[in-house]
Amino acid sequence: MSSSAPSPKAATVLVACLCAEWCRTCESYHASFAELREQNPAYRFVWVDIEDDAELVGDLEVETFPTLLIGVGEELRFLGPVLPQPGAAQRLLEAMLNAPAAKAGPAAQALLSRLQHSC
């Protein structure tokens, strides 16, 4: 029995930016994230403040900002920091859509699931 990854067209692609209000880099990244959203209207984009949305974030530790979470359906494709430059996230998103599922810890997988079902 072979298993195949869901196609980005068949599953909801979610791009979440995990940031903090006090982070000046995140503040300046808002415009780049909005531009990414405009360039990819078929995908869902969510801005998550790790402190204001602490219940949603759960036990996931975010150490570097901005951090992107990219999921296709229930498959986590990427979770990590991104350079706060306009094209960096677009290139990362394109690469991750056809990448295999990332190894995700339980906190990261739980966050993806909560985001896919609540936002």
PDB file of N, CA and C in Angstrom:
ATOM      1  N   MET A   1       0.852  -1.170   0.000  1.00  0.00           N
ATOM      2  CA  MET A   1       0.000   0.000   0.000  1.00  0.00           C
ATOM      3  C   MET A   1       0.895   1.229   0.000  1.00  0.00           C
ATOM      4  N   SER A   2       0.749   2.038  -1.015  1.00  0.00           N
ATOM      5  CA  SER A   2       1.584   3.224  -1.069  1.00  0.00           C
ATOM      6  C   SER A   2       0.808   4.424  -0.574  1.00  0.00           C
ATOM      7  N   SER A   3       1.539   5.332   0.004  1.00  0.00           N
ATOM      8  CA  SER A   3       0.925   6.547   0.541  1.00  0.00           C
ATOM      9  C   SER A   3       1.478   7.719  -0.240  1.00  0.00           C
ATOM     10  N   SER A   4       0.608   8.600  -0.638  1.00  0.00           N
ATOM     11  CA  SER A   4       1.088   9.770  -1.358  1.00  0.00           C
ATOM     12  C   SER A   4       0.705  11.027  -0.595  1.00  0.00           C
ATOM     13  N   ALA A   5       1.548  12.039  -0.700  1.00  0.00           N
ATOM     14  CA  ALA A   5       1.294  13.307  -0.023  1.00  0.00           C
ATOM     15  C   ALA A   5       0.122  14.001  -0.689  1.00  0.00           C
ATOM     16  N   PRO A   6      -0.676  14.731   0.095  1.00  0.00           N
ATOM     17  CA  PRO A   6      -1.787  15.441  -0.506  1.00  0.00           C
ATOM     18  C   PRO A   6      -1.270  16.543  -1.428  1.00  0.00           C
ATOM     19  N   SER A   7      -1.953  16.741  -2.509  1.00  0.00           N
ATOM     20  CA  SER A   7      -1.614  17.810  -3.438  1.00  0.00           C
ATOM     21  C   SER A   7      -1.990  19.139  -2.800  1.00  0.00           C
ATOM     22  N   PRO A   8      -1.192  20.202  -3.031  1.00  0.00           N
ATOM     23  CA  PRO A   8      -1.575  21.497  -2.487  1.00  0.00           C
ATOM     24  C   PRO A   8      -2.965  21.928  -2.952  1.00  0.00           C
ATOM     25  N   LYS A   9      -3.391  21.466  -4.126  1.00  0.00           N
ATOM     26  CA  LYS A   9      -4.717  21.837  -4.607  1.00  0.00           C
ATOM     27  C   LYS A   9      -5.819  21.054  -3.886  1.00  0.00           C
ATOM     28  N   ALA A  10      -5.492  19.874  -3.362  1.00  0.00           N
ATOM     29  CA  ALA A  10      -6.484  19.035  -2.707  1.00  0.00           C
ATOM     30  C   ALA A  10      -6.585  19.321  -1.213  1.00  0.00           C
ATOM     31  N   ALA A  11      -5.568  19.938  -0.634  1.00  0.00           N
ATOM     32  CA  ALA A  11      -5.559  20.192   0.797  1.00  0.00           C
ATOM     33  C   ALA A  11      -5.357  21.684   1.043  1.00  0.00           C
ATOM     34  N   THR A  12      -5.801  22.133   2.184  1.00  0.00           N
ATOM     35  CA  THR A  12      -5.644  23.533   2.530  1.00  0.00           C
ATOM     36  C   THR A  12      -4.193  23.838   2.856  1.00  0.00           C
ATOM     37  N   VAL A  13      -3.630  24.799   2.133  1.00  0.00           N
ATOM     38  CA  VAL A  13      -2.274  25.258   2.417  1.00  0.00           C
ATOM     39  C   VAL A  13      -2.390  26.403   3.415  1.00  0.00           C
ATOM     40  N   LEU A  14      -1.702  26.238   4.532  1.00  0.00           N
ATOM     41  CA  LEU A  14      -1.723  27.229   5.598  1.00  0.00           C
ATOM     42  C   LEU A  14      -0.321  27.773   5.784  1.00  0.00           C
ATOM     43  N   VAL A  15      -0.217  29.083   5.851  1.00  0.00           N
ATOM     44  CA  VAL A  15       1.050  29.747   6.140  1.00  0.00           C
ATOM     45  C   VAL A  15       0.806  30.619   7.362  1.00  0.00           C
ATOM     46  N   ALA A  16       1.474  30.286   8.451  1.00  0.00           N
ATOM     47  CA  ALA A  16       1.308  31.051   9.687  1.00  0.00           C
ATOM     48  C   ALA A  16       2.630  31.701  10.052  1.00  0.00           C
ATOM     49  N   CYS A  17       2.563  32.965  10.394  1.00  0.00           N
ATOM     50  CA  CYS A  17       3.740  33.676  10.881  1.00  0.00           C
ATOM     51  C   CYS A  17       3.616  33.755  12.396  1.00  0.00           C
ATOM     52  N   LEU A  18       4.594  33.203  13.073  1.00  0.00           N
ATOM     53  CA  LEU A  18       4.619  33.213  14.533  1.00  0.00           C
ATOM     54  C   LEU A  18       5.548  34.337  14.972  1.00  0.00           C
ATOM     55  N   CYS A  19       4.974  35.322  15.633  1.00  0.00           N
ATOM     56  CA  CYS A  19       5.725  36.507  16.017  1.00  0.00           C
ATOM     57  C   CYS A  19       5.323  36.957  17.413  1.00  0.00           C
ATOM     58  N   ALA A  20       5.919  38.065  17.824  1.00  0.00           N
ATOM     59  CA  ALA A  20       5.578  38.685  19.105  1.00  0.00           C
ATOM     60  C   ALA A  20       5.460  40.187  18.888  1.00  0.00           C
ATOM     61  N   GLU A  21       4.521  40.789  19.577  1.00  0.00           N
ATOM     62  CA  GLU A  21       4.274  42.222  19.395  1.00  0.00           C
ATOM     63  C   GLU A  21       5.506  43.058  19.701  1.00  0.00           C
ATOM     64  N   TRP A  22       6.309  42.646  20.676  1.00  0.00           N
ATOM     65  CA  TRP A  22       7.479  43.419  21.076  1.00  0.00           C
ATOM     66  C   TRP A  22       8.646  43.309  20.089  1.00  0.00           C
ATOM     67  N   CYS A  23       8.562  42.384  19.145  1.00  0.00           N
ATOM     68  CA  CYS A  23       9.646  42.140  18.199  1.00  0.00           C
ATOM     69  C   CYS A  23       9.602  43.157  17.056  1.00  0.00           C
ATOM     70  N   ARG A  24      10.613  43.992  16.960  1.00  0.00           N
ATOM     71  CA  ARG A  24      10.661  45.025  15.912  1.00  0.00           C
ATOM     72  C   ARG A  24      10.841  44.399  14.528  1.00  0.00           C
ATOM     73  N   THR A  25      11.544  43.282  14.439  1.00  0.00           N
ATOM     74  CA  THR A  25      11.698  42.598  13.153  1.00  0.00           C
ATOM     75  C   THR A  25      10.336  42.122  12.665  1.00  0.00           C
ATOM     76  N   CYS A  26       9.536  41.569  13.573  1.00  0.00           N
ATOM     77  CA  CYS A  26       8.192  41.118  13.207  1.00  0.00           C
ATOM     78  C   CYS A  26       7.336  42.297  12.753  1.00  0.00           C
ATOM     79  N   GLU A  27       7.459  43.403  13.446  1.00  0.00           N
ATOM     80  CA  GLU A  27       6.689  44.591  13.094  1.00  0.00           C
ATOM     81  C   GLU A  27       6.978  45.007  11.651  1.00  0.00           C
ATOM     82  N   SER A  28       8.252  44.993  11.282  1.00  0.00           N
ATOM     83  CA  SER A  28       8.601  45.381   9.915  1.00  0.00           C
ATOM     84  C   SER A  28       8.259  44.281   8.907  1.00  0.00           C
ATOM     85  N   TYR A  29       8.096  43.039   9.375  1.00  0.00           N
ATOM     86  CA  TYR A  29       7.793  41.914   8.489  1.00  0.00           C
ATOM     87  C   TYR A  29       6.316  41.883   8.069  1.00  0.00           C
ATOM     88  N   HIS A  30       5.475  42.610   8.778  1.00  0.00           N
ATOM     89  CA  HIS A  30       4.038  42.635   8.455  1.00  0.00           C
ATOM     90  C   HIS A  30       3.788  42.915   6.976  1.00  0.00           C
ATOM     91  N   ALA A  31       4.478  43.899   6.414  1.00  0.00           N
ATOM     92  CA  ALA A  31       4.269  44.268   5.011  1.00  0.00           C
ATOM     93  C   ALA A  31       4.675  43.136   4.073  1.00  0.00           C
ATOM     94  N   SER A  32       5.785  42.474   4.358  1.00  0.00           N
ATOM     95  CA  SER A  32       6.230  41.351   3.520  1.00  0.00           C
ATOM     96  C   SER A  32       5.239  40.194   3.590  1.00  0.00           C
ATOM     97  N   PHE A  33       4.698  39.940   4.779  1.00  0.00           N
ATOM     98  CA  PHE A  33       3.732  38.857   4.952  1.00  0.00           C
ATOM     99  C   PHE A  33       2.433  39.181   4.204  1.00  0.00           C
ATOM    100  N   ALA A  34       2.024  40.440   4.244  1.00  0.00           N
ATOM    101  CA  ALA A  34       0.830  40.863   3.506  1.00  0.00           C
ATOM    102  C   ALA A  34       1.056  40.711   2.000  1.00  0.00           C
ATOM    103  N   GLU A  35       2.253  41.029   1.540  1.00  0.00           N
ATOM    104  CA  GLU A  35       2.590  40.873   0.121  1.00  0.00           C
ATOM    105  C   GLU A  35       2.550  39.394  -0.277  1.00  0.00           C
ATOM    106  N   LEU A  36       3.064  38.525   0.584  1.00  0.00           N
ATOM    107  CA  LEU A  36       3.032  37.083   0.337  1.00  0.00           C
ATOM    108  C   LEU A  36       1.584  36.604   0.227  1.00  0.00           C
ATOM    109  N   ARG A  37       0.723  37.113   1.091  1.00  0.00           N
ATOM    110  CA  ARG A  37      -0.704  36.759   1.066  1.00  0.00           C
ATOM    111  C   ARG A  37      -1.328  37.189  -0.263  1.00  0.00           C
ATOM    112  N   GLU A  38      -1.002  38.391  -0.727  1.00  0.00           N
ATOM    113  CA  GLU A  38      -1.550  38.890  -1.987  1.00  0.00           C
ATOM    114  C   GLU A  38      -1.080  38.061  -3.180  1.00  0.00           C
ATOM    115  N   GLN A  39       0.157  37.587  -3.132  1.00  0.00           N
ATOM    116  CA  GLN A  39       0.723  36.803  -4.230  1.00  0.00           C
ATOM    117  C   GLN A  39       0.178  35.378  -4.275  1.00  0.00           C
ATOM    118  N   ASN A  40      -0.428  34.933  -3.181  1.00  0.00           N
ATOM    119  CA  ASN A  40      -0.894  33.544  -3.071  1.00  0.00           C
ATOM    120  C   ASN A  40      -2.316  33.503  -2.520  1.00  0.00           C
ATOM    121  N   PRO A  41      -3.295  34.022  -3.266  1.00  0.00           N
ATOM    122  CA  PRO A  41      -4.659  34.147  -2.743  1.00  0.00           C
ATOM    123  C   PRO A  41      -5.365  32.813  -2.481  1.00  0.00           C
ATOM    124  N   ALA A  42      -4.866  31.720  -3.018  1.00  0.00           N
ATOM    125  CA  ALA A  42      -5.526  30.431  -2.808  1.00  0.00           C
ATOM    126  C   ALA A  42      -5.173  29.808  -1.455  1.00  0.00           C
ATOM    127  N   TYR A  43      -4.182  30.366  -0.779  1.00  0.00           N
ATOM    128  CA  TYR A  43      -3.727  29.805   0.494  1.00  0.00           C
ATOM    129  C   TYR A  43      -4.249  30.632   1.655  1.00  0.00           C
ATOM    130  N   ARG A  44      -4.256  30.010   2.838  1.00  0.00           N
ATOM    131  CA  ARG A  44      -4.687  30.702   4.057  1.00  0.00           C
ATOM    132  C   ARG A  44      -3.462  31.238   4.784  1.00  0.00           C
ATOM    133  N   PHE A  45      -3.536  32.475   5.209  1.00  0.00           N
ATOM    134  CA  PHE A  45      -2.447  33.123   5.933  1.00  0.00           C
ATOM    135  C   PHE A  45      -2.958  33.569   7.291  1.00  0.00           C
ATOM    136  N   VAL A  46      -2.138  33.316   8.307  1.00  0.00           N
ATOM    137  CA  VAL A  46      -2.522  33.645   9.674  1.00  0.00           C
ATOM    138  C   VAL A  46      -1.321  34.275  10.372  1.00  0.00           C
ATOM    139  N   TRP A  47      -1.554  35.378  11.038  1.00  0.00           N
ATOM    140  CA  TRP A  47      -0.531  36.025  11.862  1.00  0.00           C
ATOM    141  C   TRP A  47      -0.828  35.613  13.297  1.00  0.00           C
ATOM    142  N   VAL A  48       0.128  34.986  13.966  1.00  0.00           N
ATOM    143  CA  VAL A  48      -0.079  34.478  15.316  1.00  0.00           C
ATOM    144  C   VAL A  48       0.908  35.148  16.262  1.00  0.00           C
ATOM    145  N   ASP A  49       0.389  35.904  17.211  1.00  0.00           N
ATOM    146  CA  ASP A  49       1.232  36.494  18.251  1.00  0.00           C
ATOM    147  C   ASP A  49       1.398  35.436  19.332  1.00  0.00           C
ATOM    148  N   ILE A  50       2.631  35.001  19.556  1.00  0.00           N
ATOM    149  CA  ILE A  50       2.847  33.866  20.460  1.00  0.00           C
ATOM    150  C   ILE A  50       2.453  34.167  21.902  1.00  0.00           C
ATOM    151  N   GLU A  51       2.370  35.442  22.267  1.00  0.00           N
ATOM    152  CA  GLU A  51       1.950  35.786  23.619  1.00  0.00           C
ATOM    153  C   GLU A  51       0.445  36.020  23.694  1.00  0.00           C
ATOM    154  N   ASP A  52      -0.091  36.814  22.775  1.00  0.00           N
ATOM    155  CA  ASP A  52      -1.532  37.074  22.784  1.00  0.00           C
ATOM    156  C   ASP A  52      -2.335  35.813  22.477  1.00  0.00           C
ATOM    157  N   ASP A  53      -1.762  34.938  21.657  1.00  0.00           N
ATOM    158  CA  ASP A  53      -2.426  33.693  21.259  1.00  0.00           C
ATOM    159  C   ASP A  53      -1.770  32.481  21.919  1.00  0.00           C
ATOM    160  N   ALA A  54      -1.339  32.651  23.164  1.00  0.00           N
ATOM    161  CA  ALA A  54      -0.594  31.598  23.863  1.00  0.00           C
ATOM    162  C   ALA A  54      -1.378  30.286  23.949  1.00  0.00           C
ATOM    163  N   GLU A  55      -2.682  30.354  24.143  1.00  0.00           N
ATOM    164  CA  GLU A  55      -3.482  29.120  24.205  1.00  0.00           C
ATOM    165  C   GLU A  55      -3.431  28.371  22.887  1.00  0.00           C
ATOM    166  N   LEU A  56      -3.488  29.104  21.787  1.00  0.00           N
ATOM    167  CA  LEU A  56      -3.424  28.511  20.465  1.00  0.00           C
ATOM    168  C   LEU A  56      -2.042  27.903  20.213  1.00  0.00           C
ATOM    169  N   VAL A  57      -0.990  28.624  20.577  1.00  0.00           N
ATOM    170  CA  VAL A  57       0.388  28.176  20.356  1.00  0.00           C
ATOM    171  C   VAL A  57       0.700  26.947  21.209  1.00  0.00           C
ATOM    172  N   GLY A  58       0.139  26.880  22.393  1.00  0.00           N
ATOM    173  CA  GLY A  58       0.350  25.724  23.259  1.00  0.00           C
ATOM    174  C   GLY A  58       1.786  25.629  23.747  1.00  0.00           C
ATOM    175  N   ASP A  59       2.344  24.419  23.706  1.00  0.00           N
ATOM    176  CA  ASP A  59       3.675  24.161  24.260  1.00  0.00           C
ATOM    177  C   ASP A  59       4.817  24.428  23.284  1.00  0.00           C
ATOM    178  N   LEU A  60       4.522  24.885  22.101  1.00  0.00           N
ATOM    179  CA  LEU A  60       5.565  25.124  21.116  1.00  0.00           C
ATOM    180  C   LEU A  60       6.450  26.290  21.547  1.00  0.00           C
ATOM    181  N   GLU A  61       7.748  26.070  21.566  1.00  0.00           N
ATOM    182  CA  GLU A  61       8.714  27.110  21.906  1.00  0.00           C
ATOM    183  C   GLU A  61       9.201  27.770  20.619  1.00  0.00           C
ATOM    184  N   VAL A  62       9.000  29.070  20.503  1.00  0.00           N
ATOM    185  CA  VAL A  62       9.483  29.833  19.356  1.00  0.00           C
ATOM    186  C   VAL A  62      10.616  30.715  19.864  1.00  0.00           C
ATOM    187  N   GLU A  63      11.799  30.513  19.301  1.00  0.00           N
ATOM    188  CA  GLU A  63      12.968  31.231  19.788  1.00  0.00           C
ATOM    189  C   GLU A  63      13.460  32.314  18.840  1.00  0.00           C
ATOM    190  N   THR A  64      13.155  32.201  17.544  1.00  0.00           N
ATOM    191  CA  THR A  64      13.649  33.141  16.550  1.00  0.00           C
ATOM    192  C   THR A  64      12.465  33.707  15.777  1.00  0.00           C
ATOM    193  N   PHE A  65      12.494  35.010  15.568  1.00  0.00           N
ATOM    194  CA  PHE A  65      11.396  35.684  14.880  1.00  0.00           C
ATOM    195  C   PHE A  65      11.899  36.340  13.607  1.00  0.00           C
ATOM    196  N   PRO A  66      11.075  36.405  12.562  1.00  0.00           N
ATOM    197  CA  PRO A  66       9.802  35.706  12.418  1.00  0.00           C
ATOM    198  C   PRO A  66      10.017  34.226  12.122  1.00  0.00           C
ATOM    199  N   THR A  67       9.093  33.402  12.595  1.00  0.00           N
ATOM    200  CA  THR A  67       9.081  31.971  12.325  1.00  0.00           C
ATOM    201  C   THR A  67       7.852  31.673  11.481  1.00  0.00           C
ATOM    202  N   LEU A  68       8.045  30.902  10.427  1.00  0.00           N
ATOM    203  CA  LEU A  68       6.914  30.494   9.591  1.00  0.00           C
ATOM    204  C   LEU A  68       6.584  29.037   9.832  1.00  0.00           C
ATOM    205  N   LEU A  69       5.303  28.748   9.810  1.00  0.00           N
ATOM    206  CA  LEU A  69       4.786  27.386   9.819  1.00  0.00           C
ATOM    207  C   LEU A  69       4.039  27.228   8.504  1.00  0.00           C
ATOM    208  N   ILE A  70       4.418  26.214   7.735  1.00  0.00           N
ATOM    209  CA  ILE A  70       3.740  25.927   6.474  1.00  0.00           C
ATOM    210  C   ILE A  70       3.184  24.520   6.561  1.00  0.00           C
ATOM    211  N   GLY A  71       1.892  24.406   6.349  1.00  0.00           N
ATOM    212  CA  GLY A  71       1.242  23.103   6.385  1.00  0.00           C
ATOM    213  C   GLY A  71       0.385  22.890   5.162  1.00  0.00           C
ATOM    214  N   VAL A  72       0.328  21.654   4.712  1.00  0.00           N
ATOM    215  CA  VAL A  72      -0.572  21.264   3.628  1.00  0.00           C
ATOM    216  C   VAL A  72      -1.490  20.222   4.234  1.00  0.00           C
ATOM    217  N   GLY A  73      -2.738  20.610   4.435  1.00  0.00           N
ATOM    218  CA  GLY A  73      -3.643  19.738   5.172  1.00  0.00           C
ATOM    219  C   GLY A  73      -3.093  19.554   6.579  1.00  0.00           C
ATOM    220  N   GLU A  74      -2.998  18.320   7.009  1.00  0.00           N
ATOM    221  CA  GLU A  74      -2.471  18.020   8.344  1.00  0.00           C
ATOM    222  C   GLU A  74      -0.970  17.716   8.326  1.00  0.00           C
ATOM    223  N   GLU A  75      -0.334  17.896   7.155  1.00  0.00           N
ATOM    224  CA  GLU A  75       1.104  17.651   7.043  1.00  0.00           C
ATOM    225  C   GLU A  75       1.882  18.931   7.266  1.00  0.00           C
ATOM    226  N   LEU A  76       2.739  18.912   8.255  1.00  0.00           N
ATOM    227  CA  LEU A  76       3.630  20.038   8.475  1.00  0.00           C
ATOM    228  C   LEU A  76       4.765  19.930   7.467  1.00  0.00           C
ATOM    229  N   ARG A  77       4.958  20.965   6.675  1.00  0.00           N
ATOM    230  CA  ARG A  77       6.021  20.971   5.668  1.00  0.00           C
ATOM    231  C   ARG A  77       7.232  21.759   6.124  1.00  0.00           C
ATOM    232  N   PHE A  78       7.003  22.783   6.970  1.00  0.00           N
ATOM    233  CA  PHE A  78       8.115  23.612   7.420  1.00  0.00           C
ATOM    234  C   PHE A  78       7.727  24.317   8.697  1.00  0.00           C
ATOM    235  N   LEU A  79       8.689  24.411   9.607  1.00  0.00           N
ATOM    236  CA  LEU A  79       8.544  25.227  10.804  1.00  0.00           C
ATOM    237  C   LEU A  79       9.930  25.736  11.147  1.00  0.00           C
ATOM    238  N   GLY A  80      10.124  27.033  10.985  1.00  0.00           N
ATOM    239  CA  GLY A  80      11.427  27.598  11.300  1.00  0.00           C
ATOM    240  C   GLY A  80      11.492  29.070  10.974  1.00  0.00           C
ATOM    241  N   PRO A  81      12.618  29.683  11.329  1.00  0.00           N
ATOM    242  CA  PRO A  81      12.770  31.108  11.061  1.00  0.00           C
ATOM    243  C   PRO A  81      12.908  31.370   9.570  1.00  0.00           C
ATOM    244  N   VAL A  82      12.541  32.573   9.180  1.00  0.00           N
ATOM    245  CA  VAL A  82      12.648  32.992   7.793  1.00  0.00           C
ATOM    246  C   VAL A  82      13.316  34.362   7.771  1.00  0.00           C
ATOM    247  N   LEU A  83      14.135  34.588   6.759  1.00  0.00           N
ATOM    248  CA  LEU A  83      14.729  35.909   6.601  1.00  0.00           C
ATOM    249  C   LEU A  83      13.626  36.916   6.332  1.00  0.00           C
ATOM    250  N   PRO A  84      13.636  38.048   7.011  1.00  0.00           N
ATOM    251  CA  PRO A  84      12.567  39.030   6.829  1.00  0.00           C
ATOM    252  C   PRO A  84      12.741  39.863   5.558  1.00  0.00           C
ATOM    253  N   GLN A  85      12.885  39.177   4.443  1.00  0.00           N
ATOM    254  CA  GLN A  85      13.014  39.824   3.143  1.00  0.00           C
ATOM    255  C   GLN A  85      11.845  39.378   2.280  1.00  0.00           C
ATOM    256  N   PRO A  86      11.309  40.257   1.448  1.00  0.00           N
ATOM    257  CA  PRO A  86      10.095  39.943   0.687  1.00  0.00           C
ATOM    258  C   PRO A  86      10.137  38.640  -0.109  1.00  0.00           C
ATOM    259  N   GLY A  87      11.198  38.337  -0.811  1.00  0.00           N
ATOM    260  CA  GLY A  87      11.229  37.149  -1.651  1.00  0.00           C
ATOM    261  C   GLY A  87      11.565  35.858  -0.926  1.00  0.00           C
ATOM    262  N   ALA A  88      12.147  35.945   0.267  1.00  0.00           N
ATOM    263  CA  ALA A  88      12.593  34.743   0.973  1.00  0.00           C
ATOM    264  C   ALA A  88      11.431  33.805   1.297  1.00  0.00           C
ATOM    265  N   ALA A  89      10.353  34.342   1.814  1.00  0.00           N
ATOM    266  CA  ALA A  89       9.205  33.506   2.184  1.00  0.00           C
ATOM    267  C   ALA A  89       8.525  32.927   0.948  1.00  0.00           C
ATOM    268  N   GLN A  90       8.471  33.686  -0.144  1.00  0.00           N
ATOM    269  CA  GLN A  90       7.851  33.180  -1.373  1.00  0.00           C
ATOM    270  C   GLN A  90       8.633  31.982  -1.905  1.00  0.00           C
ATOM    271  N   ARG A  91       9.947  32.081  -1.935  1.00  0.00           N
ATOM    272  CA  ARG A  91      10.782  30.961  -2.404  1.00  0.00           C
ATOM    273  C   ARG A  91      10.622  29.755  -1.483  1.00  0.00           C
ATOM    274  N   LEU A  92      10.580  30.009  -0.185  1.00  0.00           N
ATOM    275  CA  LEU A  92      10.402  28.928   0.783  1.00  0.00           C
ATOM    276  C   LEU A  92       9.050  28.257   0.589  1.00  0.00           C
ATOM    277  N   LEU A  93       8.003  29.036   0.424  1.00  0.00           N
ATOM    278  CA  LEU A  93       6.660  28.499   0.226  1.00  0.00           C
ATOM    279  C   LEU A  93       6.611  27.620  -1.014  1.00  0.00           C
ATOM    280  N   GLU A  94       7.152  28.094  -2.112  1.00  0.00           N
ATOM    281  CA  GLU A  94       7.162  27.311  -3.354  1.00  0.00           C
ATOM    282  C   GLU A  94       7.910  25.994  -3.179  1.00  0.00           C
ATOM    283  N   ALA A  95       9.032  26.036  -2.472  1.00  0.00           N
ATOM    284  CA  ALA A  95       9.823  24.823  -2.254  1.00  0.00           C
ATOM    285  C   ALA A  95       9.101  23.823  -1.345  1.00  0.00           C
ATOM    286  N   MET A  96       8.378  24.323  -0.361  1.00  0.00           N
ATOM    287  CA  MET A  96       7.752  23.449   0.630  1.00  0.00           C
ATOM    288  C   MET A  96       6.463  22.800   0.142  1.00  0.00           C
ATOM    289  N   LEU A  97       5.828  23.352  -0.875  1.00  0.00           N
ATOM    290  CA  LEU A  97       4.567  22.781  -1.346  1.00  0.00           C
ATOM    291  C   LEU A  97       4.725  21.365  -1.859  1.00  0.00           C
ATOM    292  N   ASN A  98       5.863  21.045  -2.425  1.00  0.00           N
ATOM    293  CA  ASN A  98       6.093  19.704  -2.964  1.00  0.00           C
ATOM    294  C   ASN A  98       7.115  18.923  -2.157  1.00  0.00           C
ATOM    295  N   ALA A  99       7.489  19.451  -1.020  1.00  0.00           N
ATOM    296  CA  ALA A  99       8.456  18.773  -0.151  1.00  0.00           C
ATOM    297  C   ALA A  99       7.745  17.681   0.648  1.00  0.00           C
ATOM    298  N   PRO A 100       8.513  16.698   1.102  1.00  0.00           N
ATOM    299  CA  PRO A 100       7.902  15.697   1.984  1.00  0.00           C
ATOM    300  C   PRO A 100       7.555  16.336   3.327  1.00  0.00           C
ATOM    301  N   ALA A 101       6.728  15.669   4.066  1.00  0.00           N
ATOM    302  CA  ALA A 101       6.363  16.160   5.393  1.00  0.00           C
ATOM    303  C   ALA A 101       7.619  16.294   6.247  1.00  0.00           C
ATOM    304  N   ALA A 102       7.654  17.349   7.044  1.00  0.00           N
ATOM    305  CA  ALA A 102       8.778  17.572   7.950  1.00  0.00           C
ATOM    306  C   ALA A 102       8.580  16.725   9.197  1.00  0.00           C
ATOM    307  N   LYS A 103       9.685  16.393   9.829  1.00  0.00           N
ATOM    308  CA  LYS A 103       9.573  15.716  11.117  1.00  0.00           C
ATOM    309  C   LYS A 103       9.110  16.753  12.125  1.00  0.00           C
ATOM    310  N   ALA A 104       7.970  16.506  12.699  1.00  0.00           N
ATOM    311  CA  ALA A 104       7.376  17.479  13.607  1.00  0.00           C
ATOM    312  C   ALA A 104       7.218  16.881  14.988  1.00  0.00           C
ATOM    313  N   GLY A 105       7.570  17.660  15.977  1.00  0.00           N
ATOM    314  CA  GLY A 105       7.310  17.261  17.342  1.00  0.00           C
ATOM    315  C   GLY A 105       5.827  17.390  17.623  1.00  0.00           C
ATOM    316  N   PRO A 106       5.373  16.826  18.717  1.00  0.00           N
ATOM    317  CA  PRO A 106       3.949  16.867  19.033  1.00  0.00           C
ATOM    318  C   PRO A 106       3.399  18.286  19.187  1.00  0.00           C
ATOM    319  N   ALA A 107       4.180  19.217  19.731  1.00  0.00           N
ATOM    320  CA  ALA A 107       3.689  20.589  19.914  1.00  0.00           C
ATOM    321  C   ALA A 107       3.487  21.274  18.563  1.00  0.00           C
ATOM    322  N   ALA A 108       4.399  21.059  17.621  1.00  0.00           N
ATOM    323  CA  ALA A 108       4.283  21.667  16.289  1.00  0.00           C
ATOM    324  C   ALA A 108       3.106  21.069  15.535  1.00  0.00           C
ATOM    325  N   GLN A 109       2.954  19.761  15.609  1.00  0.00           N
ATOM    326  CA  GLN A 109       1.839  19.106  14.909  1.00  0.00           C
ATOM    327  C   GLN A 109       0.503  19.533  15.502  1.00  0.00           C
ATOM    328  N   ALA A 110       0.464  19.683  16.814  1.00  0.00           N
ATOM    329  CA  ALA A 110      -0.772  20.119  17.471  1.00  0.00           C
ATOM    330  C   ALA A 110      -1.128  21.549  17.068  1.00  0.00           C
ATOM    331  N   LEU A 111      -0.117  22.420  16.955  1.00  0.00           N
ATOM    332  CA  LEU A 111      -0.384  23.793  16.530  1.00  0.00           C
ATOM    333  C   LEU A 111      -0.930  23.812  15.109  1.00  0.00           C
ATOM    334  N   LEU A 112      -0.328  23.057  14.198  1.00  0.00           N
ATOM    335  CA  LEU A 112      -0.830  22.996  12.833  1.00  0.00           C
ATOM    336  C   LEU A 112      -2.281  22.561  12.822  1.00  0.00           C
ATOM    337  N   SER A 113      -2.602  21.523  13.559  1.00  0.00           N
ATOM    338  CA  SER A 113      -3.967  21.021  13.611  1.00  0.00           C
ATOM    339  C   SER A 113      -4.931  22.083  14.150  1.00  0.00           C
ATOM    340  N   ARG A 114      -4.540  22.762  15.224  1.00  0.00           N
ATOM    341  CA  ARG A 114      -5.403  23.816  15.790  1.00  0.00           C
ATOM    342  C   ARG A 114      -5.598  24.950  14.777  1.00  0.00           C
ATOM    343  N   LEU A 115      -4.537  25.332  14.083  1.00  0.00           N
ATOM    344  CA  LEU A 115      -4.650  26.406  13.099  1.00  0.00           C
ATOM    345  C   LEU A 115      -5.533  25.988  11.920  1.00  0.00           C
ATOM    346  N   GLN A 116      -5.374  24.765  11.444  1.00  0.00           N
ATOM    347  CA  GLN A 116      -6.170  24.306  10.317  1.00  0.00           C
ATOM    348  C   GLN A 116      -7.661  24.241  10.665  1.00  0.00           C
ATOM    349  N   HIS A 117      -7.968  23.993  11.923  1.00  0.00           N
ATOM    350  CA  HIS A 117      -9.360  23.795  12.310  1.00  0.00           C
ATOM    351  C   HIS A 117     -10.007  25.005  12.964  1.00  0.00           C
ATOM    352  N   SER A 118      -9.206  26.032  13.303  1.00  0.00           N
ATOM    353  CA  SER A 118      -9.812  27.144  14.021  1.00  0.00           C
ATOM    354  C   SER A 118      -9.738  28.474  13.292  1.00  0.00           C
ATOM    355  N   CYS A 119      -8.832  28.629  12.367  1.00  0.00           N
ATOM    356  CA  CYS A 119      -8.649  29.956  11.750  1.00  0.00           C
ATOM    357  C   CYS A 119      -9.330  30.018  10.404  1.00  0.00           C
TER     358      CYS A 119
END
